[in-house]
């Protein structure tokens, strides 16, 4: 019997279980959490997954493609969390969504980093393409009492920007966290309320319909 190298044995085991793609994504998540999105190679992911350096190319043409898949799965999970929060939050579901967003960034740092740091113009999603953003747009529209699509989109972008900024500042290990940001959820609640309360008058002052 011919003895196979350890890497080839690991590769065959991965294919036998039909689990190579998922194993590579999980390996990438671990490496992103440890080193950041730019801190590993496709070979590093293969080694951590226990397969040969050539194995990943059966599923991903390069490291960037693997990062995009991690990001895609991250957007998918975030969308599920935001949907659940919106349904549970009632009329003020957008605040529940904001808290869910902060929790996601805190609990899933690898997903979060991949989603917003792929370094590629052909990333997995822009806010307007994301189901979570669509939920936010509808929620702020209800809060403002408007069905104007431009107003809803602008309000959602502003709320998203505030939420994303606080989530990034409060993320584990963030060197940019300002002193005193001990309760980002409370800061978000105050900020969103102030933002939406002032948006209507600001738009009217600019001559834009609300």
N, C-alpha and C. Protein backbone atom coordinates (compact mmCIF):
# COMPACT_ATOMS: atom_id res chain seq x y z
N UNK A 1 0.85 -1.20 0.00
CA UNK A 1 0.00 0.00 0.00
C UNK A 1 0.88 1.24 0.00
N UNK A 2 0.55 2.22 -0.86
CA UNK A 2 1.32 3.47 -0.92
C UNK A 2 0.88 4.37 0.22
N UNK A 3 1.85 4.87 0.97
CA UNK A 3 1.54 5.77 2.08
C UNK A 3 1.45 7.20 1.57
N UNK A 4 0.33 7.83 1.78
CA UNK A 4 0.12 9.19 1.32
C UNK A 4 0.70 10.18 2.31
N UNK A 5 1.19 11.33 1.82
CA UNK A 5 1.63 12.40 2.74
C UNK A 5 0.47 12.85 3.61
N UNK A 6 0.81 13.36 4.81
CA UNK A 6 -0.24 13.79 5.74
C UNK A 6 -1.18 14.80 5.11
N UNK A 7 -0.62 15.74 4.33
CA UNK A 7 -1.47 16.79 3.73
C UNK A 7 -2.48 16.19 2.77
N UNK A 8 -2.04 15.19 1.98
CA UNK A 8 -2.96 14.58 1.02
C UNK A 8 -4.01 13.73 1.73
N UNK A 9 -3.61 13.08 2.82
CA UNK A 9 -4.59 12.32 3.60
C UNK A 9 -5.65 13.25 4.16
N UNK A 10 -5.19 14.40 4.69
CA UNK A 10 -6.14 15.36 5.26
C UNK A 10 -7.07 15.88 4.18
N UNK A 11 -6.50 16.11 2.98
CA UNK A 11 -7.32 16.62 1.88
C UNK A 11 -8.38 15.60 1.50
N UNK A 12 -8.00 14.32 1.41
CA UNK A 12 -8.97 13.30 1.04
C UNK A 12 -10.05 13.14 2.10
N UNK A 13 -9.64 13.26 3.36
CA UNK A 13 -10.65 13.17 4.44
C UNK A 13 -11.64 14.31 4.29
N UNK A 14 -11.14 15.51 3.97
CA UNK A 14 -12.03 16.66 3.82
C UNK A 14 -13.05 16.44 2.72
N UNK A 15 -12.60 15.91 1.57
CA UNK A 15 -13.53 15.67 0.48
C UNK A 15 -14.50 14.54 0.82
N UNK A 16 -14.01 13.53 1.54
CA UNK A 16 -14.88 12.42 1.91
C UNK A 16 -16.07 12.92 2.72
N UNK A 17 -15.81 13.87 3.60
CA UNK A 17 -16.89 14.39 4.44
C UNK A 17 -17.65 15.53 3.75
N UNK A 18 -17.22 15.92 2.57
CA UNK A 18 -17.89 17.01 1.87
C UNK A 18 -17.83 18.31 2.62
N UNK A 19 -16.73 18.54 3.33
CA UNK A 19 -16.70 19.64 4.28
C UNK A 19 -15.57 20.64 4.01
N UNK A 20 -14.90 20.50 2.87
CA UNK A 20 -13.70 21.32 2.65
C UNK A 20 -14.04 22.81 2.60
N UNK A 21 -15.06 23.17 1.85
CA UNK A 21 -15.41 24.59 1.72
C UNK A 21 -15.72 25.20 3.08
N UNK A 22 -16.55 24.50 3.85
CA UNK A 22 -16.89 25.01 5.18
C UNK A 22 -15.69 25.07 6.09
N UNK A 23 -14.80 24.08 5.99
CA UNK A 23 -13.60 24.07 6.82
C UNK A 23 -12.69 25.24 6.49
N UNK A 24 -12.59 25.58 5.21
CA UNK A 24 -11.75 26.71 4.81
C UNK A 24 -12.34 28.04 5.30
N UNK A 25 -13.66 28.16 5.22
CA UNK A 25 -14.31 29.38 5.72
C UNK A 25 -14.10 29.52 7.22
N UNK A 26 -14.25 28.42 7.95
CA UNK A 26 -14.05 28.46 9.39
C UNK A 26 -12.59 28.78 9.72
N UNK A 27 -11.66 28.21 8.96
CA UNK A 27 -10.24 28.52 9.17
C UNK A 27 -9.98 29.99 8.92
N UNK A 28 -10.58 30.54 7.87
CA UNK A 28 -10.40 31.96 7.57
C UNK A 28 -10.96 32.83 8.70
N UNK A 29 -12.10 32.45 9.23
CA UNK A 29 -12.68 33.20 10.35
C UNK A 29 -11.73 33.23 11.55
N UNK A 30 -11.15 32.09 11.85
CA UNK A 30 -10.21 32.03 12.98
C UNK A 30 -8.99 32.89 12.72
N UNK A 31 -8.48 32.85 11.49
CA UNK A 31 -7.30 33.63 11.17
C UNK A 31 -7.60 35.13 11.16
N UNK A 32 -8.77 35.50 10.67
CA UNK A 32 -9.17 36.92 10.68
C UNK A 32 -9.27 37.42 12.11
N UNK A 33 -9.85 36.61 12.99
CA UNK A 33 -9.98 37.00 14.39
C UNK A 33 -8.62 37.19 15.04
N UNK A 34 -7.64 36.38 14.64
CA UNK A 34 -6.31 36.46 15.25
C UNK A 34 -5.43 37.52 14.61
N UNK A 35 -5.54 37.68 13.26
CA UNK A 35 -4.56 38.49 12.54
C UNK A 35 -5.16 39.63 11.74
N UNK A 36 -6.47 39.65 11.60
CA UNK A 36 -7.11 40.64 10.74
C UNK A 36 -7.27 40.12 9.32
N UNK A 37 -8.10 40.79 8.51
CA UNK A 37 -8.40 40.31 7.15
C UNK A 37 -7.17 40.23 6.24
N UNK A 38 -6.16 41.05 6.48
CA UNK A 38 -4.98 41.06 5.61
C UNK A 38 -3.83 40.24 6.18
N UNK A 39 -4.06 39.54 7.29
CA UNK A 39 -2.96 38.91 8.00
C UNK A 39 -2.73 37.44 7.74
N UNK A 40 -3.30 36.92 6.65
CA UNK A 40 -3.10 35.49 6.38
C UNK A 40 -3.16 35.25 4.88
N UNK A 41 -2.66 34.10 4.48
CA UNK A 41 -2.68 33.70 3.08
C UNK A 41 -3.64 32.53 2.88
N UNK A 42 -3.90 32.21 1.63
CA UNK A 42 -4.74 31.05 1.34
C UNK A 42 -4.05 29.77 1.84
N UNK A 43 -2.73 29.75 1.78
CA UNK A 43 -1.98 28.60 2.29
C UNK A 43 -2.14 28.47 3.80
N UNK A 44 -2.18 29.61 4.50
CA UNK A 44 -2.41 29.57 5.95
C UNK A 44 -3.76 28.94 6.27
N UNK A 45 -4.78 29.33 5.51
CA UNK A 45 -6.11 28.77 5.72
C UNK A 45 -6.12 27.28 5.43
N UNK A 46 -5.41 26.88 4.38
CA UNK A 46 -5.34 25.46 4.04
C UNK A 46 -4.66 24.67 5.16
N UNK A 47 -3.58 25.21 5.68
CA UNK A 47 -2.86 24.52 6.75
C UNK A 47 -3.73 24.36 7.98
N UNK A 48 -4.43 25.43 8.35
CA UNK A 48 -5.29 25.36 9.53
C UNK A 48 -6.44 24.39 9.32
N UNK A 49 -6.93 24.30 8.08
CA UNK A 49 -8.02 23.38 7.77
C UNK A 49 -7.53 21.94 7.63
N UNK A 50 -6.21 21.75 7.61
CA UNK A 50 -5.65 20.41 7.51
C UNK A 50 -5.66 19.83 6.12
N UNK A 51 -5.51 20.70 5.10
CA UNK A 51 -5.48 20.23 3.71
C UNK A 51 -4.23 20.75 3.02
N UNK A 52 -3.99 20.27 1.83
CA UNK A 52 -2.80 20.68 1.09
C UNK A 52 -2.96 22.11 0.59
N UNK A 53 -1.85 22.79 0.30
CA UNK A 53 -1.93 24.18 -0.19
C UNK A 53 -2.72 24.31 -1.49
N UNK A 54 -2.81 23.24 -2.27
CA UNK A 54 -3.55 23.31 -3.54
C UNK A 54 -5.04 23.12 -3.37
N UNK A 55 -5.46 22.53 -2.26
CA UNK A 55 -6.87 22.17 -2.09
C UNK A 55 -7.83 23.36 -2.16
N UNK A 56 -7.53 24.51 -1.56
CA UNK A 56 -8.50 25.62 -1.59
C UNK A 56 -8.88 26.07 -2.98
N UNK A 57 -7.98 25.87 -3.96
CA UNK A 57 -8.26 26.38 -5.30
C UNK A 57 -9.38 25.61 -5.99
N UNK A 58 -9.82 24.53 -5.42
CA UNK A 58 -10.99 23.84 -5.96
C UNK A 58 -12.27 24.61 -5.66
N UNK A 59 -12.22 25.48 -4.66
CA UNK A 59 -13.40 26.26 -4.26
C UNK A 59 -13.21 27.76 -4.38
N UNK A 60 -11.98 28.25 -4.23
CA UNK A 60 -11.73 29.69 -4.22
C UNK A 60 -10.54 30.00 -5.12
N UNK A 61 -10.73 30.93 -6.04
CA UNK A 61 -9.65 31.20 -6.99
C UNK A 61 -8.47 31.92 -6.34
N UNK A 62 -8.73 32.62 -5.22
CA UNK A 62 -7.65 33.29 -4.51
C UNK A 62 -8.13 33.63 -3.10
N UNK A 63 -7.24 34.24 -2.34
CA UNK A 63 -7.55 34.60 -0.96
C UNK A 63 -8.72 35.57 -0.88
N UNK A 64 -8.79 36.50 -1.84
CA UNK A 64 -9.86 37.48 -1.83
C UNK A 64 -11.22 36.81 -1.99
N UNK A 65 -11.28 35.77 -2.80
CA UNK A 65 -12.55 35.05 -2.97
C UNK A 65 -12.97 34.38 -1.67
N UNK A 66 -12.02 33.85 -0.92
CA UNK A 66 -12.34 33.26 0.38
C UNK A 66 -12.84 34.33 1.34
N UNK A 67 -12.19 35.49 1.34
CA UNK A 67 -12.65 36.59 2.20
C UNK A 67 -14.06 37.02 1.84
N UNK A 68 -14.35 37.08 0.55
CA UNK A 68 -15.70 37.48 0.14
C UNK A 68 -16.75 36.47 0.61
N UNK A 69 -16.38 35.18 0.62
CA UNK A 69 -17.33 34.18 1.10
C UNK A 69 -17.56 34.34 2.60
N UNK A 70 -16.49 34.61 3.35
CA UNK A 70 -16.66 34.87 4.79
C UNK A 70 -17.57 36.08 4.97
N UNK A 71 -17.32 37.13 4.20
CA UNK A 71 -18.14 38.34 4.30
C UNK A 71 -19.59 38.06 3.93
N UNK A 72 -19.80 37.28 2.87
CA UNK A 72 -21.18 36.97 2.45
C UNK A 72 -21.93 36.26 3.56
N UNK A 73 -21.27 35.29 4.19
CA UNK A 73 -21.91 34.57 5.29
C UNK A 73 -22.16 35.50 6.48
N UNK A 74 -21.26 36.45 6.68
CA UNK A 74 -21.46 37.42 7.75
C UNK A 74 -22.68 38.28 7.51
N UNK A 75 -22.83 38.80 6.28
CA UNK A 75 -24.01 39.61 5.96
C UNK A 75 -25.29 38.78 6.11
N UNK A 76 -25.21 37.52 5.77
CA UNK A 76 -26.38 36.64 5.89
C UNK A 76 -26.79 36.48 7.35
N UNK A 77 -25.79 36.22 8.20
CA UNK A 77 -26.11 36.06 9.63
C UNK A 77 -26.58 37.37 10.23
N UNK A 78 -25.93 38.47 9.87
CA UNK A 78 -26.36 39.76 10.39
C UNK A 78 -27.79 40.05 9.96
N UNK A 79 -28.12 39.75 8.71
CA UNK A 79 -29.49 39.98 8.24
C UNK A 79 -30.51 39.19 9.04
N UNK A 80 -30.17 37.95 9.38
CA UNK A 80 -31.08 37.14 10.19
C UNK A 80 -31.26 37.76 11.58
N UNK A 81 -30.18 38.21 12.16
CA UNK A 81 -30.28 38.83 13.49
C UNK A 81 -31.10 40.12 13.44
N UNK A 82 -30.86 40.93 12.41
CA UNK A 82 -31.60 42.18 12.30
C UNK A 82 -33.08 41.92 12.05
N UNK A 83 -33.39 40.91 11.25
CA UNK A 83 -34.78 40.57 11.00
C UNK A 83 -35.49 40.14 12.27
N UNK A 84 -34.83 39.31 13.06
CA UNK A 84 -35.41 38.86 14.32
C UNK A 84 -35.61 40.03 15.27
N UNK A 85 -34.63 40.95 15.30
CA UNK A 85 -34.73 42.12 16.18
C UNK A 85 -35.86 43.04 15.74
N UNK A 86 -36.01 43.22 14.43
CA UNK A 86 -37.08 44.08 13.92
C UNK A 86 -38.45 43.53 14.27
N UNK A 87 -38.59 42.21 14.13
CA UNK A 87 -39.89 41.59 14.44
C UNK A 87 -40.20 41.67 15.93
N UNK A 88 -39.18 41.56 16.76
CA UNK A 88 -39.40 41.58 18.21
C UNK A 88 -39.53 42.99 18.76
N UNK A 89 -39.05 43.98 18.00
CA UNK A 89 -38.98 45.33 18.52
C UNK A 89 -40.23 46.16 18.37
N UNK A 90 -41.19 45.68 17.58
CA UNK A 90 -42.43 46.42 17.41
C UNK A 90 -42.22 47.72 16.65
N UNK A 91 -42.91 48.77 17.06
CA UNK A 91 -42.88 50.05 16.36
C UNK A 91 -41.48 50.65 16.34
N UNK A 92 -40.73 50.48 17.43
CA UNK A 92 -39.38 51.01 17.50
C UNK A 92 -38.35 49.92 17.20
N UNK A 93 -38.67 49.09 16.22
CA UNK A 93 -37.80 47.97 15.89
C UNK A 93 -36.42 48.39 15.46
N UNK A 94 -36.27 49.61 14.92
CA UNK A 94 -34.96 50.04 14.47
C UNK A 94 -33.98 50.17 15.62
N UNK A 95 -34.47 50.47 16.83
CA UNK A 95 -33.57 50.51 17.99
C UNK A 95 -33.13 49.11 18.38
N UNK A 96 -34.04 48.16 18.31
CA UNK A 96 -33.67 46.77 18.55
C UNK A 96 -32.67 46.29 17.51
N UNK A 97 -32.86 46.73 16.28
CA UNK A 97 -31.92 46.37 15.22
C UNK A 97 -30.54 46.95 15.50
N UNK A 98 -30.52 48.19 15.99
CA UNK A 98 -29.24 48.81 16.31
C UNK A 98 -28.50 48.06 17.40
N UNK A 99 -29.23 47.64 18.42
CA UNK A 99 -28.60 46.87 19.49
C UNK A 99 -28.10 45.52 18.98
N UNK A 100 -28.89 44.91 18.07
CA UNK A 100 -28.47 43.63 17.49
C UNK A 100 -27.21 43.81 16.65
N UNK A 101 -27.11 44.95 15.97
CA UNK A 101 -25.92 45.24 15.16
C UNK A 101 -24.70 45.37 16.05
N UNK A 102 -24.82 46.10 17.14
CA UNK A 102 -23.70 46.26 18.07
C UNK A 102 -23.29 44.91 18.65
N UNK A 103 -24.27 44.09 19.00
CA UNK A 103 -23.97 42.77 19.55
C UNK A 103 -23.26 41.89 18.53
N UNK A 104 -23.68 41.97 17.27
CA UNK A 104 -23.05 41.18 16.22
C UNK A 104 -21.58 41.57 16.07
N UNK A 105 -21.30 42.88 16.03
CA UNK A 105 -19.92 43.34 15.89
C UNK A 105 -19.06 42.88 17.06
N UNK A 106 -19.66 42.84 18.23
CA UNK A 106 -18.92 42.43 19.44
C UNK A 106 -18.72 40.92 19.49
N UNK A 107 -19.73 40.17 19.08
CA UNK A 107 -19.69 38.71 19.21
C UNK A 107 -19.07 38.01 18.01
N UNK A 108 -19.07 38.65 16.85
CA UNK A 108 -18.55 38.03 15.63
C UNK A 108 -17.50 38.95 14.98
N UNK A 109 -16.39 39.19 15.66
CA UNK A 109 -15.40 40.15 15.14
C UNK A 109 -14.81 39.72 13.80
N UNK A 110 -14.67 38.42 13.55
CA UNK A 110 -14.10 37.97 12.28
C UNK A 110 -15.06 38.26 11.12
N UNK A 111 -16.33 37.91 11.29
CA UNK A 111 -17.32 38.24 10.28
C UNK A 111 -17.32 39.74 10.02
N UNK A 112 -17.38 40.52 11.10
CA UNK A 112 -17.49 41.97 10.99
C UNK A 112 -16.31 42.55 10.24
N UNK A 113 -15.10 42.09 10.57
CA UNK A 113 -13.90 42.59 9.91
C UNK A 113 -13.91 42.23 8.43
N UNK A 114 -14.29 41.01 8.09
CA UNK A 114 -14.32 40.60 6.68
C UNK A 114 -15.37 41.37 5.89
N UNK A 115 -16.50 41.64 6.50
CA UNK A 115 -17.58 42.32 5.81
C UNK A 115 -17.22 43.72 5.37
N UNK A 116 -16.40 44.39 6.16
CA UNK A 116 -16.12 45.79 5.88
C UNK A 116 -14.65 46.09 5.58
N UNK A 117 -13.85 45.03 5.44
CA UNK A 117 -12.43 45.24 5.18
C UNK A 117 -11.89 44.26 4.15
N UNK A 118 -12.68 43.94 3.13
CA UNK A 118 -12.21 43.00 2.13
C UNK A 118 -11.20 43.63 1.19
N UNK A 119 -11.17 44.96 1.13
CA UNK A 119 -10.20 45.63 0.28
C UNK A 119 -10.42 45.39 -1.20
N UNK A 120 -11.65 45.13 -1.60
CA UNK A 120 -11.95 44.84 -3.00
C UNK A 120 -13.18 45.61 -3.44
N UNK A 121 -13.12 46.10 -4.67
CA UNK A 121 -14.27 46.84 -5.19
C UNK A 121 -15.46 45.93 -5.48
N UNK A 122 -15.20 44.65 -5.66
CA UNK A 122 -16.30 43.72 -5.95
C UNK A 122 -16.64 42.91 -4.72
N UNK A 123 -16.86 43.61 -3.62
CA UNK A 123 -17.21 42.97 -2.37
C UNK A 123 -18.59 42.36 -2.42
N UNK A 124 -19.03 41.72 -1.32
CA UNK A 124 -20.25 40.94 -1.35
C UNK A 124 -21.53 41.74 -1.32
N UNK A 125 -21.50 42.95 -0.80
CA UNK A 125 -22.75 43.69 -0.69
C UNK A 125 -22.48 45.14 -0.37
N UNK A 126 -23.34 46.01 -0.86
CA UNK A 126 -23.37 47.40 -0.42
C UNK A 126 -24.62 47.55 0.43
N UNK A 127 -24.70 48.62 1.25
CA UNK A 127 -25.88 48.75 2.12
C UNK A 127 -27.21 48.61 1.39
N UNK A 128 -27.35 49.19 0.18
CA UNK A 128 -28.63 49.11 -0.52
C UNK A 128 -28.95 47.70 -0.99
N UNK A 129 -27.94 46.83 -1.10
CA UNK A 129 -28.17 45.47 -1.55
C UNK A 129 -28.50 44.53 -0.40
N UNK A 130 -28.30 45.00 0.82
CA UNK A 130 -28.36 44.15 2.00
C UNK A 130 -29.79 44.10 2.54
N UNK A 131 -30.35 42.90 2.74
CA UNK A 131 -31.71 42.80 3.30
C UNK A 131 -31.85 43.52 4.63
N UNK A 132 -30.79 43.51 5.45
CA UNK A 132 -30.84 44.21 6.72
C UNK A 132 -31.04 45.71 6.54
N UNK A 133 -30.41 46.26 5.51
CA UNK A 133 -30.58 47.69 5.24
C UNK A 133 -32.00 47.99 4.79
N UNK A 134 -32.59 47.08 4.02
CA UNK A 134 -33.98 47.26 3.59
C UNK A 134 -34.91 47.28 4.79
N UNK A 135 -34.66 46.40 5.77
CA UNK A 135 -35.47 46.39 6.99
C UNK A 135 -35.31 47.70 7.75
N UNK A 136 -34.09 48.20 7.81
CA UNK A 136 -33.85 49.46 8.51
C UNK A 136 -34.56 50.61 7.81
N UNK A 137 -34.52 50.62 6.49
CA UNK A 137 -35.18 51.67 5.72
C UNK A 137 -36.68 51.71 6.03
N UNK A 138 -37.30 50.54 6.07
CA UNK A 138 -38.73 50.50 6.37
C UNK A 138 -39.01 50.93 7.80
N UNK A 139 -38.15 50.54 8.73
CA UNK A 139 -38.37 50.86 10.14
C UNK A 139 -38.26 52.36 10.40
N UNK A 140 -37.25 53.01 9.82
CA UNK A 140 -37.12 54.46 10.04
C UNK A 140 -38.23 55.21 9.31
N UNK A 141 -38.70 54.66 8.20
CA UNK A 141 -39.82 55.28 7.51
C UNK A 141 -41.06 55.29 8.38
N UNK A 142 -41.31 54.18 9.07
CA UNK A 142 -42.45 54.13 9.99
C UNK A 142 -42.26 55.12 11.14
N UNK A 143 -41.05 55.20 11.65
CA UNK A 143 -40.78 56.12 12.76
C UNK A 143 -41.00 57.57 12.34
N UNK A 144 -40.58 57.91 11.12
CA UNK A 144 -40.74 59.28 10.63
C UNK A 144 -42.13 59.55 10.08
N UNK A 145 -42.91 58.49 9.88
CA UNK A 145 -44.24 58.65 9.31
C UNK A 145 -44.19 59.07 7.86
N UNK A 146 -43.25 58.52 7.10
CA UNK A 146 -43.10 58.89 5.70
C UNK A 146 -42.96 57.64 4.84
N UNK A 147 -43.40 57.77 3.58
CA UNK A 147 -43.19 56.72 2.60
C UNK A 147 -42.34 57.23 1.45
N UNK A 148 -41.78 58.44 1.61
CA UNK A 148 -40.92 59.01 0.58
C UNK A 148 -39.64 58.18 0.49
N UNK A 149 -39.37 57.54 -0.64
CA UNK A 149 -38.22 56.63 -0.71
C UNK A 149 -36.88 57.31 -0.48
N UNK A 150 -36.73 58.55 -0.96
CA UNK A 150 -35.46 59.25 -0.78
C UNK A 150 -35.23 59.60 0.69
N UNK A 151 -36.30 60.03 1.36
CA UNK A 151 -36.18 60.34 2.78
C UNK A 151 -35.87 59.09 3.59
N UNK A 152 -36.56 58.00 3.26
CA UNK A 152 -36.32 56.74 3.97
C UNK A 152 -34.88 56.26 3.77
N UNK A 153 -34.39 56.39 2.54
CA UNK A 153 -33.04 55.93 2.25
C UNK A 153 -32.01 56.79 2.99
N UNK A 154 -32.20 58.12 2.95
CA UNK A 154 -31.26 59.01 3.64
C UNK A 154 -31.27 58.75 5.14
N UNK A 155 -32.46 58.63 5.71
CA UNK A 155 -32.56 58.37 7.16
C UNK A 155 -31.88 57.06 7.52
N UNK A 156 -32.11 56.03 6.71
CA UNK A 156 -31.51 54.73 6.99
C UNK A 156 -29.99 54.80 6.87
N UNK A 157 -29.48 55.53 5.88
CA UNK A 157 -28.04 55.68 5.72
C UNK A 157 -27.43 56.38 6.93
N UNK A 158 -28.11 57.41 7.43
CA UNK A 158 -27.60 58.14 8.59
C UNK A 158 -27.61 57.27 9.84
N UNK A 159 -28.69 56.54 10.03
CA UNK A 159 -28.77 55.64 11.19
C UNK A 159 -27.72 54.53 11.07
N UNK A 160 -27.57 54.00 9.85
CA UNK A 160 -26.56 52.97 9.63
C UNK A 160 -25.16 53.51 9.92
N UNK A 161 -24.88 54.72 9.45
CA UNK A 161 -23.57 55.32 9.68
C UNK A 161 -23.28 55.49 11.16
N UNK A 162 -24.26 55.96 11.91
CA UNK A 162 -24.08 56.14 13.36
C UNK A 162 -23.87 54.79 14.04
N UNK A 163 -24.70 53.82 13.67
CA UNK A 163 -24.60 52.49 14.28
C UNK A 163 -23.27 51.82 13.96
N UNK A 164 -22.90 51.88 12.69
CA UNK A 164 -21.64 51.26 12.27
C UNK A 164 -20.44 51.94 12.94
N UNK A 165 -20.50 53.25 13.05
CA UNK A 165 -19.41 53.96 13.70
C UNK A 165 -19.25 53.56 15.15
N UNK A 166 -20.34 53.51 15.88
CA UNK A 166 -20.27 53.10 17.29
C UNK A 166 -19.82 51.66 17.42
N UNK A 167 -20.31 50.79 16.52
CA UNK A 167 -19.91 49.38 16.58
C UNK A 167 -18.42 49.23 16.33
N UNK A 168 -17.89 49.99 15.37
CA UNK A 168 -16.46 49.90 15.06
C UNK A 168 -15.62 50.45 16.21
N UNK A 169 -16.05 51.54 16.80
CA UNK A 169 -15.31 52.12 17.92
C UNK A 169 -15.30 51.20 19.14
N UNK A 170 -16.43 50.51 19.35
CA UNK A 170 -16.57 49.67 20.54
C UNK A 170 -16.18 48.22 20.29
N UNK A 171 -15.71 47.90 19.08
CA UNK A 171 -15.34 46.51 18.78
C UNK A 171 -14.20 46.05 19.67
N UNK A 172 -14.16 44.76 20.01
CA UNK A 172 -13.09 44.24 20.85
C UNK A 172 -11.71 44.54 20.26
N UNK A 173 -10.85 45.12 21.08
CA UNK A 173 -9.50 45.41 20.64
C UNK A 173 -9.36 46.70 19.85
N UNK A 174 -10.43 47.47 19.71
CA UNK A 174 -10.35 48.70 18.94
C UNK A 174 -9.41 49.71 19.62
N UNK A 175 -8.42 50.19 18.86
CA UNK A 175 -7.50 51.20 19.41
C UNK A 175 -8.09 52.59 19.29
N UNK A 176 -9.22 52.70 18.58
CA UNK A 176 -9.83 54.01 18.37
C UNK A 176 -10.94 54.30 19.38
N UNK A 177 -11.24 53.36 20.29
CA UNK A 177 -12.34 53.59 21.22
C UNK A 177 -12.06 54.81 22.09
N UNK A 178 -12.93 55.81 22.05
CA UNK A 178 -12.71 56.99 22.89
C UNK A 178 -12.97 56.68 24.36
N UNK A 179 -12.29 57.39 25.20
CA UNK A 179 -12.47 57.19 26.63
C UNK A 179 -13.90 57.54 27.02
N UNK A 180 -14.52 56.69 27.80
CA UNK A 180 -15.87 56.96 28.27
C UNK A 180 -16.96 56.28 27.47
N UNK A 181 -16.59 55.59 26.38
CA UNK A 181 -17.61 54.88 25.60
C UNK A 181 -17.86 53.52 26.25
N UNK A 182 -18.52 53.56 27.39
CA UNK A 182 -18.74 52.32 28.15
C UNK A 182 -20.10 51.70 27.84
N UNK A 183 -20.98 52.48 27.25
CA UNK A 183 -22.34 51.99 26.97
C UNK A 183 -22.74 52.40 25.56
N UNK A 184 -22.20 51.73 24.54
CA UNK A 184 -22.54 52.12 23.17
C UNK A 184 -24.02 51.97 22.85
N UNK A 185 -24.71 51.02 23.50
CA UNK A 185 -26.14 50.86 23.26
C UNK A 185 -26.91 52.12 23.66
N UNK A 186 -26.55 52.68 24.82
CA UNK A 186 -27.22 53.90 25.28
C UNK A 186 -26.87 55.08 24.38
N UNK A 187 -25.60 55.16 23.98
CA UNK A 187 -25.19 56.23 23.07
C UNK A 187 -25.94 56.13 21.75
N UNK A 188 -26.14 54.90 21.27
CA UNK A 188 -26.87 54.71 20.03
C UNK A 188 -28.32 55.15 20.17
N UNK A 189 -28.95 54.78 21.28
CA UNK A 189 -30.35 55.15 21.50
C UNK A 189 -30.53 56.67 21.49
N UNK A 190 -29.65 57.36 22.20
CA UNK A 190 -29.74 58.82 22.25
C UNK A 190 -29.45 59.43 20.88
N UNK A 191 -28.42 58.92 20.22
CA UNK A 191 -28.02 59.47 18.93
C UNK A 191 -29.07 59.28 17.86
N UNK A 192 -29.67 58.11 17.79
CA UNK A 192 -30.68 57.84 16.78
C UNK A 192 -31.93 58.68 17.02
N UNK A 193 -32.32 58.79 18.29
CA UNK A 193 -33.49 59.61 18.61
C UNK A 193 -33.28 61.06 18.19
N UNK A 194 -32.10 61.60 18.52
CA UNK A 194 -31.80 62.98 18.15
C UNK A 194 -31.72 63.15 16.64
N UNK A 195 -31.13 62.19 15.99
CA UNK A 195 -30.97 62.26 14.53
C UNK A 195 -32.33 62.28 13.84
N UNK A 196 -33.19 61.33 14.18
CA UNK A 196 -34.48 61.25 13.51
C UNK A 196 -35.39 62.42 13.88
N UNK A 197 -35.28 62.89 15.11
CA UNK A 197 -36.11 64.03 15.52
C UNK A 197 -35.74 65.28 14.74
N UNK A 198 -34.45 65.43 14.43
CA UNK A 198 -34.02 66.64 13.73
C UNK A 198 -34.01 66.51 12.22
N UNK A 199 -34.20 65.30 11.70
CA UNK A 199 -34.10 65.12 10.26
C UNK A 199 -35.22 65.81 9.50
N UNK A 200 -36.45 65.68 9.99
CA UNK A 200 -37.59 66.30 9.30
C UNK A 200 -37.41 67.80 9.15
N UNK A 201 -37.18 68.53 10.25
CA UNK A 201 -36.97 69.98 10.13
C UNK A 201 -35.78 70.33 9.23
N UNK A 202 -34.70 69.51 9.30
CA UNK A 202 -33.53 69.80 8.49
C UNK A 202 -33.85 69.67 7.00
N UNK A 203 -34.63 68.65 6.65
CA UNK A 203 -35.01 68.46 5.25
C UNK A 203 -35.91 69.60 4.77
N UNK A 204 -36.82 70.03 5.62
CA UNK A 204 -37.72 71.14 5.24
C UNK A 204 -36.93 72.42 5.04
N UNK A 205 -35.93 72.64 5.88
CA UNK A 205 -35.09 73.83 5.74
C UNK A 205 -34.33 73.81 4.40
N UNK A 206 -34.01 72.60 3.92
CA UNK A 206 -33.32 72.46 2.64
C UNK A 206 -34.27 72.44 1.45
N UNK A 207 -35.57 72.53 1.75
CA UNK A 207 -36.56 72.52 0.68
C UNK A 207 -36.86 71.15 0.12
N UNK A 208 -36.51 70.12 0.87
CA UNK A 208 -36.76 68.75 0.40
C UNK A 208 -38.03 68.21 1.04
N UNK A 209 -38.83 67.48 0.30
CA UNK A 209 -40.05 66.88 0.88
C UNK A 209 -39.71 65.79 1.87
N UNK A 210 -40.48 65.70 2.93
CA UNK A 210 -40.32 64.66 3.94
C UNK A 210 -41.32 63.54 3.64
